[in-house]
Each structure stands twice: as C-alpha cells, then as structure tokens.
Amino acid sequence: MPIELSDDTSKRLIASIRRYFADELDQDIGDLKARLVLEYCVQEIGPSIYNQAIADAQAYFSRHVADLESACYQREFAYWKR
C-alpha cells in the first residue's frame, strides 16, 4: 500500500524542506528539488516509519484487549446482595 500525501500536506512539506536546506545547509533549492527530496523520503524512509507505527498500534491494542475483561467486567446477578 503506497503512502500518499494530500496536496496540502505535500505543499507544506516542500516548504519545510526548502526552509531546512536554507537554514541548516545554506542552500537555496527550488520546489522541484524539494519535491524530489520529499518523494525520496516518502518512498525510501516512509515505509519504515509506517510499519513501526502499525507495529506500535498493534502492540497498544493487544495490551488493552488482553485486559478488556478486567477493565469492563460487570458482576452478574448483583441486585440481591448477600
């Protein structure tokens, strides 16, 4: 499943990449170069981050589902107390 970014997100990331190059590397790059850097990051780095996020979410839900019975348990037939 390829990672797809919205147009707004892409524009904001391209602006951020341009700023990073200007501030940290003292290089002014245009939108085309920034877009190429973004596409590289999304294709090469993005899947690793995405897969880790999925693994983290799966572990989180597994922990909480394992404890579901104790977290949501209601005592039955509790009207008549002993």
N, C-alpha and C. Protein backbone atom coordinates (compact mmCIF):
# COMPACT_ATOMS: atom_id res chain seq x y z
N MET A 1 0.85 -1.17 0.00
CA MET A 1 0.00 0.00 0.00
C MET A 1 0.90 1.24 0.00
N PRO A 2 0.93 1.96 -1.09
CA PRO A 2 1.81 3.13 -1.17
C PRO A 2 1.32 4.26 -0.26
N ILE A 3 2.25 5.01 0.25
CA ILE A 3 1.94 6.15 1.10
C ILE A 3 1.62 7.33 0.19
N GLU A 4 0.45 7.90 0.38
CA GLU A 4 0.05 9.04 -0.42
C GLU A 4 -0.23 10.23 0.49
N LEU A 5 0.29 11.36 0.10
CA LEU A 5 0.09 12.59 0.87
C LEU A 5 -0.90 13.49 0.15
N SER A 6 -1.68 14.23 0.91
CA SER A 6 -2.59 15.19 0.28
C SER A 6 -1.79 16.32 -0.35
N ASP A 7 -2.42 17.03 -1.26
CA ASP A 7 -1.74 18.16 -1.91
C ASP A 7 -1.30 19.21 -0.89
N ASP A 8 -2.17 19.48 0.07
CA ASP A 8 -1.83 20.47 1.09
C ASP A 8 -0.63 20.03 1.92
N THR A 9 -0.63 18.76 2.31
CA THR A 9 0.50 18.23 3.09
C THR A 9 1.79 18.28 2.27
N SER A 10 1.71 17.91 1.01
CA SER A 10 2.90 17.95 0.14
C SER A 10 3.44 19.37 0.03
N LYS A 11 2.55 20.34 -0.17
CA LYS A 11 2.99 21.74 -0.28
C LYS A 11 3.68 22.20 1.00
N ARG A 12 3.10 21.83 2.14
CA ARG A 12 3.68 22.25 3.42
C ARG A 12 5.03 21.57 3.65
N LEU A 13 5.13 20.30 3.27
CA LEU A 13 6.40 19.60 3.44
C LEU A 13 7.47 20.14 2.50
N ILE A 14 7.10 20.47 1.28
CA ILE A 14 8.06 21.06 0.34
C ILE A 14 8.58 22.38 0.89
N ALA A 15 7.70 23.19 1.43
CA ALA A 15 8.12 24.46 2.04
C ALA A 15 9.06 24.19 3.22
N SER A 16 8.77 23.17 4.01
CA SER A 16 9.61 22.83 5.15
C SER A 16 10.98 22.35 4.70
N ILE A 17 11.01 21.54 3.66
CA ILE A 17 12.29 21.04 3.12
C ILE A 17 13.11 22.20 2.58
N ARG A 18 12.49 23.11 1.88
CA ARG A 18 13.22 24.28 1.35
C ARG A 18 13.80 25.10 2.50
N ARG A 19 13.01 25.28 3.55
CA ARG A 19 13.49 26.04 4.69
C ARG A 19 14.65 25.32 5.38
N TYR A 20 14.53 24.00 5.52
CA TYR A 20 15.60 23.22 6.14
C TYR A 20 16.91 23.40 5.36
N PHE A 21 16.85 23.27 4.05
CA PHE A 21 18.05 23.43 3.23
C PHE A 21 18.63 24.83 3.38
N ALA A 22 17.76 25.83 3.41
CA ALA A 22 18.24 27.21 3.53
C ALA A 22 18.84 27.47 4.91
N ASP A 23 18.17 27.04 5.97
CA ASP A 23 18.63 27.34 7.32
C ASP A 23 19.79 26.46 7.78
N GLU A 24 19.74 25.19 7.47
CA GLU A 24 20.73 24.25 8.00
C GLU A 24 21.90 23.99 7.06
N LEU A 25 21.66 24.10 5.77
CA LEU A 25 22.71 23.75 4.80
C LEU A 25 23.16 24.95 3.97
N ASP A 26 22.58 26.10 4.23
CA ASP A 26 22.89 27.32 3.47
C ASP A 26 22.77 27.11 1.97
N GLN A 27 21.72 26.42 1.56
CA GLN A 27 21.46 26.18 0.14
C GLN A 27 20.02 26.54 -0.17
N ASP A 28 19.86 27.34 -1.19
CA ASP A 28 18.51 27.64 -1.66
C ASP A 28 18.16 26.64 -2.75
N ILE A 29 17.09 25.90 -2.52
CA ILE A 29 16.64 24.94 -3.53
C ILE A 29 15.23 25.32 -3.94
N GLY A 30 14.88 24.95 -5.14
CA GLY A 30 13.55 25.25 -5.65
C GLY A 30 12.56 24.16 -5.29
N ASP A 31 11.33 24.37 -5.74
CA ASP A 31 10.27 23.41 -5.46
C ASP A 31 10.56 22.04 -6.07
N LEU A 32 11.15 22.01 -7.28
CA LEU A 32 11.41 20.73 -7.92
C LEU A 32 12.38 19.87 -7.11
N LYS A 33 13.47 20.45 -6.67
CA LYS A 33 14.43 19.70 -5.86
C LYS A 33 13.82 19.28 -4.52
N ALA A 34 13.07 20.18 -3.92
CA ALA A 34 12.42 19.85 -2.65
C ALA A 34 11.42 18.72 -2.85
N ARG A 35 10.67 18.74 -3.95
CA ARG A 35 9.72 17.67 -4.25
C ARG A 35 10.44 16.34 -4.44
N LEU A 36 11.60 16.37 -5.10
CA LEU A 36 12.38 15.14 -5.29
C LEU A 36 12.86 14.59 -3.95
N VAL A 37 13.30 15.46 -3.06
CA VAL A 37 13.71 15.03 -1.72
C VAL A 37 12.52 14.43 -0.99
N LEU A 38 11.37 15.08 -1.08
CA LEU A 38 10.16 14.57 -0.44
C LEU A 38 9.77 13.20 -0.99
N GLU A 39 9.77 13.06 -2.30
CA GLU A 39 9.41 11.78 -2.91
C GLU A 39 10.37 10.68 -2.47
N TYR A 40 11.65 11.00 -2.40
CA TYR A 40 12.64 10.02 -1.93
C TYR A 40 12.32 9.61 -0.49
N CYS A 41 12.09 10.58 0.37
CA CYS A 41 11.82 10.28 1.77
C CYS A 41 10.55 9.44 1.93
N VAL A 42 9.52 9.79 1.20
CA VAL A 42 8.25 9.06 1.30
C VAL A 42 8.44 7.62 0.82
N GLN A 43 9.16 7.44 -0.28
CA GLN A 43 9.33 6.10 -0.84
C GLN A 43 10.36 5.26 -0.09
N GLU A 44 11.42 5.89 0.36
CA GLU A 44 12.52 5.12 0.97
C GLU A 44 12.41 5.03 2.50
N ILE A 45 12.04 6.13 3.15
CA ILE A 45 12.01 6.19 4.60
C ILE A 45 10.59 5.97 5.14
N GLY A 46 9.61 6.45 4.40
CA GLY A 46 8.22 6.38 4.83
C GLY A 46 7.75 4.99 5.23
N PRO A 47 8.02 3.95 4.43
CA PRO A 47 7.53 2.62 4.80
C PRO A 47 8.07 2.12 6.15
N SER A 48 9.31 2.45 6.47
CA SER A 48 9.87 2.03 7.77
C SER A 48 9.13 2.70 8.92
N ILE A 49 8.85 3.97 8.77
CA ILE A 49 8.13 4.70 9.81
C ILE A 49 6.69 4.20 9.90
N TYR A 50 6.07 3.99 8.74
CA TYR A 50 4.69 3.49 8.69
C TYR A 50 4.59 2.12 9.35
N ASN A 51 5.50 1.22 9.00
CA ASN A 51 5.47 -0.13 9.57
C ASN A 51 5.68 -0.11 11.08
N GLN A 52 6.56 0.76 11.57
CA GLN A 52 6.77 0.87 13.00
C GLN A 52 5.53 1.42 13.69
N ALA A 53 4.86 2.37 13.05
CA ALA A 53 3.64 2.93 13.63
C ALA A 53 2.55 1.85 13.71
N ILE A 54 2.44 1.03 12.68
CA ILE A 54 1.46 -0.06 12.70
C ILE A 54 1.80 -1.06 13.81
N ALA A 55 3.09 -1.41 13.94
CA ALA A 55 3.50 -2.34 15.00
C ALA A 55 3.22 -1.75 16.38
N ASP A 56 3.48 -0.46 16.56
CA ASP A 56 3.21 0.19 17.84
C ASP A 56 1.71 0.19 18.14
N ALA A 57 0.88 0.49 17.15
CA ALA A 57 -0.57 0.50 17.34
C ALA A 57 -1.07 -0.91 17.66
N GLN A 58 -0.53 -1.89 16.95
CA GLN A 58 -0.95 -3.28 17.20
C GLN A 58 -0.59 -3.71 18.62
N ALA A 59 0.61 -3.37 19.07
CA ALA A 59 1.02 -3.71 20.43
C ALA A 59 0.14 -3.00 21.46
N TYR A 60 -0.17 -1.75 21.22
CA TYR A 60 -1.03 -0.99 22.11
C TYR A 60 -2.40 -1.65 22.25
N PHE A 61 -3.01 -1.97 21.11
CA PHE A 61 -4.34 -2.57 21.15
C PHE A 61 -4.31 -3.97 21.74
N SER A 62 -3.24 -4.72 21.47
CA SER A 62 -3.12 -6.06 22.05
C SER A 62 -3.07 -6.00 23.57
N ARG A 63 -2.30 -5.05 24.11
CA ARG A 63 -2.22 -4.89 25.56
C ARG A 63 -3.59 -4.55 26.15
N HIS A 64 -4.31 -3.67 25.49
CA HIS A 64 -5.59 -3.22 26.03
C HIS A 64 -6.70 -4.26 25.82
N VAL A 65 -6.64 -5.01 24.76
CA VAL A 65 -7.63 -6.07 24.55
C VAL A 65 -7.40 -7.20 25.52
N ALA A 66 -6.16 -7.50 25.83
CA ALA A 66 -5.85 -8.56 26.79
C ALA A 66 -6.43 -8.25 28.17
N ASP A 67 -6.53 -6.98 28.49
CA ASP A 67 -7.05 -6.56 29.79
C ASP A 67 -8.52 -6.15 29.72
N LEU A 68 -9.17 -6.40 28.60
CA LEU A 68 -10.54 -5.95 28.40
C LEU A 68 -11.50 -6.55 29.41
N GLU A 69 -11.35 -7.82 29.73
CA GLU A 69 -12.28 -8.46 30.66
C GLU A 69 -12.23 -7.80 32.04
N SER A 70 -11.04 -7.54 32.55
CA SER A 70 -10.97 -6.93 33.88
C SER A 70 -11.37 -5.46 33.85
N ALA A 71 -11.12 -4.78 32.74
CA ALA A 71 -11.47 -3.37 32.65
C ALA A 71 -12.96 -3.15 32.47
N CYS A 72 -13.63 -4.09 31.84
CA CYS A 72 -15.04 -3.89 31.51
C CYS A 72 -15.97 -4.90 32.19
N TYR A 73 -15.47 -5.67 33.10
CA TYR A 73 -16.28 -6.72 33.73
C TYR A 73 -17.34 -6.12 34.64
N GLN A 74 -18.54 -6.64 34.54
CA GLN A 74 -19.63 -6.27 35.43
C GLN A 74 -20.12 -7.53 36.13
N ARG A 75 -20.21 -7.47 37.42
CA ARG A 75 -20.68 -8.62 38.18
C ARG A 75 -22.13 -8.91 37.82
N GLU A 76 -22.43 -10.14 37.58
CA GLU A 76 -23.79 -10.53 37.22
C GLU A 76 -24.62 -10.82 38.46
N PHE A 77 -25.89 -10.70 38.29
CA PHE A 77 -26.86 -11.02 39.36
C PHE A 77 -26.50 -10.30 40.66
N ALA A 78 -26.25 -9.01 40.54
CA ALA A 78 -25.81 -8.22 41.68
C ALA A 78 -26.95 -7.48 42.38
N TYR A 79 -28.16 -7.67 41.91
CA TYR A 79 -29.28 -6.95 42.54
C TYR A 79 -29.47 -7.38 43.98
N TRP A 80 -29.51 -8.70 44.20
CA TRP A 80 -29.70 -9.23 45.54
C TRP A 80 -28.33 -9.42 46.17
N LYS A 81 -28.00 -8.54 47.05
CA LYS A 81 -26.69 -8.64 47.69
C LYS A 81 -26.77 -9.56 48.88
N ARG A 82 -25.71 -10.28 49.10
CA ARG A 82 -25.67 -11.22 50.23
C ARG A 82 -25.35 -10.52 51.50
